[in-house]
């Protein structure tokens, strides 16, 4: 299995993981790669004629060029917009990491890259004794951290990076996402983040609106491909 992959996590919920994940997928597709996607666990979904569907998972599917059944992309989909471990418990479902791994392997067999997006932050629980950390490690993927630029992001970013590395995962870099365009001293915060994290961001995402063109993270894609030799 020669597939390369990356796991997108965030310093919190609502920091733009899907924006970054879809941007990376678009960039890889533009470079001629076969790119599969996963949103292994998702809560906050809508009932449709085809079953529960999650907005983030659908956004990933829309930019992928490796077709796959929805249940492979998003094996665990819960309706209420609450922490996945509570949603799973209320539904009487246990999130099985082995099942997610099987879905991942079925995608890897026909892909060059897999971009997988977590839910919430790195330690967000998805079961009584499992978290997003365990999910990323079950997939054996390097981790890209999305930092939402707002007051307090430095502490959240440093704690998240520390947790990623202390649990033995490979930290593949970070992306700064401008979720608060009015953030005071934005440039100074970016400089501090780069200095304390120990490396510059793979990309800095500008403020986005519904009218913004699709995000393409070409530089970040180039750096990730170089790091993984593909």
C-alpha atoms as a PDB file:
ATOM      1  CA  UNK A   1       0.000   0.000   0.000  1.00  0.00           C
ATOM      2  CA  UNK A   2       1.808   3.125  -1.294  1.00  0.00           C
ATOM      3  CA  UNK A   3      -0.866   5.614  -0.306  1.00  0.00           C
ATOM      4  CA  UNK A   4       0.217   8.753   1.496  1.00  0.00           C
ATOM      5  CA  UNK A   5      -2.164  10.432   3.896  1.00  0.00           C
ATOM      6  CA  UNK A   6      -2.669  13.180   6.396  1.00  0.00           C
ATOM      7  CA  UNK A   7      -4.961  13.590   9.383  1.00  0.00           C
ATOM      8  CA  UNK A   8      -6.426  17.053   9.942  1.00  0.00           C
ATOM      9  CA  UNK A   9      -7.013  17.995  13.558  1.00  0.00           C
ATOM     10  CA  UNK A  10      -7.726  21.316  15.197  1.00  0.00           C
ATOM     11  CA  UNK A  11      -7.046  23.259  18.336  1.00  0.00           C
ATOM     12  CA  UNK A  12     -10.801  23.231  18.978  1.00  0.00           C
ATOM     13  CA  UNK A  13     -14.095  22.811  17.204  1.00  0.00           C
ATOM     14  CA  UNK A  14     -15.015  25.518  14.716  1.00  0.00           C
ATOM     15  CA  UNK A  15     -11.440  26.423  13.737  1.00  0.00           C
ATOM     16  CA  UNK A  16     -11.793  25.493  10.062  1.00  0.00           C
ATOM     17  CA  UNK A  17     -10.650  21.892   9.749  1.00  0.00           C
ATOM     18  CA  UNK A  18     -12.972  21.298   6.796  1.00  0.00           C
ATOM     19  CA  UNK A  19     -11.827  24.477   5.053  1.00  0.00           C
ATOM     20  CA  UNK A  20      -8.231  23.286   5.296  1.00  0.00           C
ATOM     21  CA  UNK A  21      -8.997  19.648   4.486  1.00  0.00           C
ATOM     22  CA  UNK A  22     -10.943  20.507   1.325  1.00  0.00           C
ATOM     23  CA  UNK A  23      -8.227  22.987   0.328  1.00  0.00           C
ATOM     24  CA  UNK A  24      -5.579  20.276   0.611  1.00  0.00           C
ATOM     25  CA  UNK A  25      -7.720  17.864  -1.396  1.00  0.00           C
ATOM     26  CA  UNK A  26      -8.216  20.445  -4.152  1.00  0.00           C
ATOM     27  CA  UNK A  27      -4.484  21.128  -4.248  1.00  0.00           C
ATOM     28  CA  UNK A  28      -3.570  17.458  -4.501  1.00  0.00           C
ATOM     29  CA  UNK A  29      -6.195  16.814  -7.184  1.00  0.00           C
ATOM     30  CA  UNK A  30      -4.853  19.790  -9.156  1.00  0.00           C
ATOM     31  CA  UNK A  31      -1.427  18.110  -9.072  1.00  0.00           C
ATOM     32  CA  UNK A  32      -2.825  14.964 -10.661  1.00  0.00           C
ATOM     33  CA  UNK A  33      -3.157  12.831  -7.540  1.00  0.00           C
ATOM     34  CA  UNK A  34      -5.952  10.355  -6.818  1.00  0.00           C
ATOM     35  CA  UNK A  35      -7.297  11.686  -3.526  1.00  0.00           C
ATOM     36  CA  UNK A  36      -9.735   9.880  -1.242  1.00  0.00           C
ATOM     37  CA  UNK A  37     -11.292  11.469   1.821  1.00  0.00           C
ATOM     38  CA  UNK A  38     -12.604  10.422   5.218  1.00  0.00           C
ATOM     39  CA  UNK A  39     -14.589  12.001   8.000  1.00  0.00           C
ATOM     40  CA  UNK A  40     -14.564   8.887  10.197  1.00  0.00           C
ATOM     41  CA  UNK A  41     -16.754  10.279  12.977  1.00  0.00           C
ATOM     42  CA  UNK A  42     -19.203  13.155  12.681  1.00  0.00           C
ATOM     43  CA  UNK A  43     -22.020  14.586  14.754  1.00  0.00           C
ATOM     44  CA  UNK A  44     -24.431  17.309  13.748  1.00  0.00           C
ATOM     45  CA  UNK A  45     -26.022  15.725  10.671  1.00  0.00           C
ATOM     46  CA  UNK A  46     -29.227  16.013   8.672  1.00  0.00           C
ATOM     47  CA  UNK A  47     -31.736  13.285   7.911  1.00  0.00           C
ATOM     48  CA  UNK A  48     -32.132  12.740   4.167  1.00  0.00           C
ATOM     49  CA  UNK A  49     -33.878  10.172   1.972  1.00  0.00           C
ATOM     50  CA  UNK A  50     -30.544   8.315   1.866  1.00  0.00           C
ATOM     51  CA  UNK A  51     -29.947   8.462   5.617  1.00  0.00           C
ATOM     52  CA  UNK A  52     -27.973  10.772   7.879  1.00  0.00           C
ATOM     53  CA  UNK A  53     -25.587  13.070   6.048  1.00  0.00           C
ATOM     54  CA  UNK A  54     -22.950  15.353   7.578  1.00  0.00           C
ATOM     55  CA  UNK A  55     -22.116  18.683   5.944  1.00  0.00           C
ATOM     56  CA  UNK A  56     -18.351  18.348   6.452  1.00  0.00           C
ATOM     57  CA  UNK A  57     -18.271  14.835   5.005  1.00  0.00           C
ATOM     58  CA  UNK A  58     -20.280  15.974   1.978  1.00  0.00           C
ATOM     59  CA  UNK A  59     -17.881  18.894   1.427  1.00  0.00           C
ATOM     60  CA  UNK A  60     -14.958  16.475   1.402  1.00  0.00           C
ATOM     61  CA  UNK A  61     -16.739  14.092  -0.985  1.00  0.00           C
ATOM     62  CA  UNK A  62     -17.489  16.982  -3.345  1.00  0.00           C
ATOM     63  CA  UNK A  63     -13.779  17.741  -3.920  1.00  0.00           C
ATOM     64  CA  UNK A  64     -12.447  14.162  -3.914  1.00  0.00           C
ATOM     65  CA  UNK A  65     -11.751  12.381  -7.196  1.00  0.00           C
ATOM     66  CA  UNK A  66     -11.944   8.853  -5.751  1.00  0.00           C
ATOM     67  CA  UNK A  67     -15.632   7.840  -5.620  1.00  0.00           C
ATOM     68  CA  UNK A  68     -16.693   5.922  -2.520  1.00  0.00           C
ATOM     69  CA  UNK A  69     -19.959   5.059  -0.752  1.00  0.00           C
ATOM     70  CA  UNK A  70     -20.921   7.586   1.905  1.00  0.00           C
ATOM     71  CA  UNK A  71     -20.636   4.952   4.641  1.00  0.00           C
ATOM     72  CA  UNK A  72     -16.983   4.363   3.782  1.00  0.00           C
ATOM     73  CA  UNK A  73     -16.140   8.071   3.934  1.00  0.00           C
ATOM     74  CA  UNK A  74     -18.139   8.659   7.121  1.00  0.00           C
ATOM     75  CA  UNK A  75     -18.615   5.320   8.939  1.00  0.00           C
ATOM     76  CA  UNK A  76     -20.073   6.916  12.083  1.00  0.00           C
ATOM     77  CA  UNK A  77     -22.608   9.671  11.505  1.00  0.00           C
ATOM     78  CA  UNK A  78     -24.730  11.025  14.361  1.00  0.00           C
ATOM     79  CA  UNK A  79     -27.616  13.472  14.168  1.00  0.00           C
ATOM     80  CA  UNK A  80     -27.384  15.778  17.218  1.00  0.00           C
ATOM     81  CA  UNK A  81     -24.709  18.514  17.146  1.00  0.00           C
ATOM     82  CA  UNK A  82     -23.068  17.341  20.366  1.00  0.00           C
ATOM     83  CA  UNK A  83     -19.834  15.657  21.373  1.00  0.00           C
ATOM     84  CA  UNK A  84     -19.513  12.402  19.388  1.00  0.00           C
ATOM     85  CA  UNK A  85     -19.084  10.246  22.483  1.00  0.00           C
ATOM     86  CA  UNK A  86     -22.429  11.457  23.881  1.00  0.00           C
ATOM     87  CA  UNK A  87     -24.146  11.079  20.504  1.00  0.00           C
ATOM     88  CA  UNK A  88     -22.779   7.554  20.125  1.00  0.00           C
ATOM     89  CA  UNK A  89     -23.871   6.603  23.627  1.00  0.00           C
ATOM     90  CA  UNK A  90     -27.386   7.943  23.048  1.00  0.00           C
ATOM     91  CA  UNK A  91     -27.582   5.978  19.794  1.00  0.00           C
ATOM     92  CA  UNK A  92     -26.348   2.804  21.487  1.00  0.00           C
ATOM     93  CA  UNK A  93     -23.361   2.629  19.158  1.00  0.00           C
ATOM     94  CA  UNK A  94     -19.704   1.972  19.952  1.00  0.00           C
ATOM     95  CA  UNK A  95     -17.203   3.570  17.599  1.00  0.00           C
ATOM     96  CA  UNK A  96     -15.048   0.683  16.359  1.00  0.00           C
ATOM     97  CA  UNK A  97     -11.577   1.837  15.306  1.00  0.00           C
ATOM     98  CA  UNK A  98     -10.967  -1.464  13.508  1.00  0.00           C
ATOM     99  CA  UNK A  99     -13.984  -0.836  11.281  1.00  0.00           C
ATOM    100  CA  UNK A 100     -12.707   2.656  10.484  1.00  0.00           C
ATOM    101  CA  UNK A 101      -9.319   1.172   9.653  1.00  0.00           C
ATOM    102  CA  UNK A 102     -10.962  -1.280   7.240  1.00  0.00           C
ATOM    103  CA  UNK A 103     -12.730   1.591   5.481  1.00  0.00           C
ATOM    104  CA  UNK A 104      -9.429   3.443   5.292  1.00  0.00           C
ATOM    105  CA  UNK A 105      -7.682   0.443   3.728  1.00  0.00           C
ATOM    106  CA  UNK A 106     -10.419   0.013   1.135  1.00  0.00           C
ATOM    107  CA  UNK A 107      -9.811   3.614   0.041  1.00  0.00           C
ATOM    108  CA  UNK A 108      -6.034   3.270   0.163  1.00  0.00           C
ATOM    109  CA  UNK A 109      -6.132   0.416  -2.361  1.00  0.00           C
ATOM    110  CA  UNK A 110      -7.179   2.852  -5.101  1.00  0.00           C
ATOM    111  CA  UNK A 111      -5.750   6.187  -3.998  1.00  0.00           C
ATOM    112  CA  UNK A 112      -2.463   8.074  -3.978  1.00  0.00           C
ATOM    113  CA  UNK A 113      -3.494  10.160  -0.982  1.00  0.00           C
ATOM    114  CA  UNK A 114      -6.100  10.073   1.767  1.00  0.00           C
ATOM    115  CA  UNK A 115      -7.099  13.236   3.615  1.00  0.00           C
ATOM    116  CA  UNK A 116      -8.912  12.383   6.846  1.00  0.00           C
ATOM    117  CA  UNK A 117     -10.574  14.976   9.056  1.00  0.00           C
ATOM    118  CA  UNK A 118     -11.144  14.580  12.771  1.00  0.00           C
ATOM    119  CA  UNK A 119     -13.973  15.929  14.909  1.00  0.00           C
ATOM    120  CA  UNK A 120     -13.398  18.688  17.422  1.00  0.00           C
ATOM    121  CA  UNK A 121      -9.901  18.824  18.888  1.00  0.00           C
ATOM    122  CA  UNK A 122      -7.138  16.249  19.355  1.00  0.00           C
ATOM    123  CA  UNK A 123      -8.462  14.874  22.647  1.00  0.00           C
ATOM    124  CA  UNK A 124     -12.170  15.111  21.832  1.00  0.00           C
ATOM    125  CA  UNK A 125     -13.745  11.842  23.062  1.00  0.00           C
ATOM    126  CA  UNK A 126     -15.462   9.533  20.604  1.00  0.00           C
ATOM    127  CA  UNK A 127     -16.162   6.785  23.145  1.00  0.00           C
ATOM    128  CA  UNK A 128     -15.862   5.945  26.812  1.00  0.00           C
ATOM    129  CA  UNK A 129     -12.119   5.353  26.528  1.00  0.00           C
ATOM    130  CA  UNK A 130     -11.222   6.565  23.028  1.00  0.00           C
ATOM    131  CA  UNK A 131     -10.591   9.943  21.474  1.00  0.00           C
ATOM    132  CA  UNK A 132      -9.629  11.545  18.178  1.00  0.00           C
ATOM    133  CA  UNK A 133      -6.024  10.854  19.193  1.00  0.00           C
ATOM    134  CA  UNK A 134      -6.706   7.111  19.137  1.00  0.00           C
ATOM    135  CA  UNK A 135      -8.438   7.412  15.782  1.00  0.00           C
ATOM    136  CA  UNK A 136      -5.481   9.194  14.169  1.00  0.00           C
ATOM    137  CA  UNK A 137      -3.084   6.637  15.600  1.00  0.00           C
ATOM    138  CA  UNK A 138      -5.236   3.737  14.358  1.00  0.00           C
ATOM    139  CA  UNK A 139      -4.872   5.149  10.838  1.00  0.00           C
ATOM    140  CA  UNK A 140      -1.101   5.692  11.280  1.00  0.00           C
ATOM    141  CA  UNK A 141      -1.306   9.126   9.702  1.00  0.00           C
ATOM    142  CA  UNK A 142       0.873  12.206  10.220  1.00  0.00           C
ATOM    143  CA  UNK A 143      -1.082  15.079  11.714  1.00  0.00           C
ATOM    144  CA  UNK A 144      -1.644  18.604  10.447  1.00  0.00           C
ATOM    145  CA  UNK A 145      -2.944  20.989  13.099  1.00  0.00           C
ATOM    146  CA  UNK A 146      -5.371  23.782  12.184  1.00  0.00           C
ATOM    147  CA  UNK A 147      -5.028  26.851  14.389  1.00  0.00           C
ATOM    148  CA  UNK A 148      -7.981  29.216  14.381  1.00  0.00           C
ATOM    149  CA  UNK A 149      -6.530  32.738  14.660  1.00  0.00           C
ATOM    150  CA  UNK A 150      -8.335  34.358  17.562  1.00  0.00           C
ATOM    151  CA  UNK A 151      -7.561  35.462  21.086  1.00  0.00           C
ATOM    152  CA  UNK A 152      -6.253  32.486  23.056  1.00  0.00           C
ATOM    153  CA  UNK A 153      -5.014  30.541  20.041  1.00  0.00           C
ATOM    154  CA  UNK A 154      -1.371  30.494  21.144  1.00  0.00           C
ATOM    155  CA  UNK A 155      -2.102  28.514  24.290  1.00  0.00           C
ATOM    156  CA  UNK A 156      -4.473  26.157  22.467  1.00  0.00           C
ATOM    157  CA  UNK A 157      -1.958  25.573  19.667  1.00  0.00           C
ATOM    158  CA  UNK A 158       0.953  24.826  21.970  1.00  0.00           C
ATOM    159  CA  UNK A 159      -1.097  22.470  24.144  1.00  0.00           C
ATOM    160  CA  UNK A 160      -2.393  20.640  21.065  1.00  0.00           C
ATOM    161  CA  UNK A 161       1.073  20.249  19.529  1.00  0.00           C
ATOM    162  CA  UNK A 162       2.419  19.001  22.868  1.00  0.00           C
ATOM    163  CA  UNK A 163      -0.378  16.444  23.086  1.00  0.00           C
ATOM    164  CA  UNK A 164       0.150  15.266  19.494  1.00  0.00           C
ATOM    165  CA  UNK A 165       3.866  14.706  19.994  1.00  0.00           C
ATOM    166  CA  UNK A 166       3.598  13.276  23.512  1.00  0.00           C
ATOM    167  CA  UNK A 167       1.287  10.562  22.191  1.00  0.00           C
ATOM    168  CA  UNK A 168       3.808   9.475  19.572  1.00  0.00           C
ATOM    169  CA  UNK A 169       2.047  10.884  16.520  1.00  0.00           C
ATOM    170  CA  UNK A 170       4.031  12.585  13.764  1.00  0.00           C
ATOM    171  CA  UNK A 171       3.406  16.344  13.711  1.00  0.00           C
ATOM    172  CA  UNK A 172       3.452  17.260  10.004  1.00  0.00           C
ATOM    173  CA  UNK A 173       2.891  20.992  10.368  1.00  0.00           C
ATOM    174  CA  UNK A 174       0.215  23.564  11.030  1.00  0.00           C
ATOM    175  CA  UNK A 175      -2.125  25.852   9.135  1.00  0.00           C
ATOM    176  CA  UNK A 176      -3.248  29.235  10.411  1.00  0.00           C
ATOM    177  CA  UNK A 177      -6.899  29.954   9.643  1.00  0.00           C
ATOM    178  CA  UNK A 178      -8.207  33.517   9.951  1.00  0.00           C
ATOM    179  CA  UNK A 179     -11.493  32.848  11.715  1.00  0.00           C
ATOM    180  CA  UNK A 180     -11.505  36.283  13.394  1.00  0.00           C
ATOM    181  CA  UNK A 181     -10.618  38.938  10.788  1.00  0.00           C
ATOM    182  CA  UNK A 182     -10.698  41.608  13.512  1.00  0.00           C
ATOM    183  CA  UNK A 183      -8.128  39.841  15.695  1.00  0.00           C
ATOM    184  CA  UNK A 184      -5.837  42.397  17.318  1.00  0.00           C
ATOM    185  CA  UNK A 185      -2.099  42.076  16.630  1.00  0.00           C
ATOM    186  CA  UNK A 186      -2.622  39.266  14.127  1.00  0.00           C
ATOM    187  CA  UNK A 187       0.884  39.537  12.652  1.00  0.00           C
ATOM    188  CA  UNK A 188       2.487  39.496  16.091  1.00  0.00           C
ATOM    189  CA  UNK A 189       0.447  36.444  17.069  1.00  0.00           C
ATOM    190  CA  UNK A 190       1.501  34.641  13.886  1.00  0.00           C
ATOM    191  CA  UNK A 191       5.138  35.416  14.588  1.00  0.00           C
ATOM    192  CA  UNK A 192       4.793  34.125  18.140  1.00  0.00           C
ATOM    193  CA  UNK A 193       3.058  30.965  16.984  1.00  0.00           C
ATOM    194  CA  UNK A 194       5.779  30.231  14.417  1.00  0.00           C
ATOM    195  CA  UNK A 195       8.535  30.840  16.965  1.00  0.00           C
ATOM    196  CA  UNK A 196       7.005  28.736  19.747  1.00  0.00           C
ATOM    197  CA  UNK A 197       5.765  25.932  17.508  1.00  0.00           C
ATOM    198  CA  UNK A 198       9.214  25.849  15.960  1.00  0.00           C
ATOM    199  CA  UNK A 199       8.265  26.221  12.301  1.00  0.00           C
ATOM    200  CA  UNK A 200       6.288  28.557  10.036  1.00  0.00           C
ATOM    201  CA  UNK A 201       2.758  27.594   8.997  1.00  0.00           C
ATOM    202  CA  UNK A 202       2.232  25.458   5.913  1.00  0.00           C
ATOM    203  CA  UNK A 203      -0.318  28.059   4.881  1.00  0.00           C
ATOM    204  CA  UNK A 204      -2.193  31.091   6.189  1.00  0.00           C
ATOM    205  CA  UNK A 205      -5.862  30.999   5.209  1.00  0.00           C
ATOM    206  CA  UNK A 206      -7.377  34.459   4.630  1.00  0.00           C
ATOM    207  CA  UNK A 207     -10.847  35.417   5.819  1.00  0.00           C
ATOM    208  CA  UNK A 208     -13.387  33.507   3.728  1.00  0.00           C
ATOM    209  CA  UNK A 209     -16.975  34.313   2.804  1.00  0.00           C
ATOM    210  CA  UNK A 210     -19.622  32.509   0.754  1.00  0.00           C
ATOM    211  CA  UNK A 211     -18.399  34.491  -2.252  1.00  0.00           C
ATOM    212  CA  UNK A 212     -14.752  33.485  -1.826  1.00  0.00           C
ATOM    213  CA  UNK A 213     -13.230  31.281  -4.553  1.00  0.00           C
ATOM    214  CA  UNK A 214     -12.477  27.660  -3.602  1.00  0.00           C
ATOM    215  CA  UNK A 215      -9.448  27.473  -1.348  1.00  0.00           C
ATOM    216  CA  UNK A 216      -6.339  25.939  -2.898  1.00  0.00           C
ATOM    217  CA  UNK A 217      -3.380  25.282  -0.604  1.00  0.00           C
ATOM    218  CA  UNK A 218      -0.758  24.775  -3.286  1.00  0.00           C
ATOM    219  CA  UNK A 219       2.280  25.629  -1.156  1.00  0.00           C
ATOM    220  CA  UNK A 220       1.105  23.407   1.697  1.00  0.00           C
ATOM    221  CA  UNK A 221       0.494  20.543  -0.714  1.00  0.00           C
ATOM    222  CA  UNK A 222       3.961  20.922  -2.216  1.00  0.00           C
ATOM    223  CA  UNK A 223       5.565  20.876   1.227  1.00  0.00           C
ATOM    224  CA  UNK A 224       3.568  17.818   2.337  1.00  0.00           C
ATOM    225  CA  UNK A 225       4.382  15.912  -0.844  1.00  0.00           C
ATOM    226  CA  UNK A 226       8.064  16.749  -0.451  1.00  0.00           C
ATOM    227  CA  UNK A 227       8.022  15.611   3.176  1.00  0.00           C
ATOM    228  CA  UNK A 228       6.488  12.260   2.241  1.00  0.00           C
ATOM    229  CA  UNK A 229       8.524  11.765  -0.897  1.00  0.00           C
ATOM    230  CA  UNK A 230       5.616  11.812  -3.318  1.00  0.00           C
END
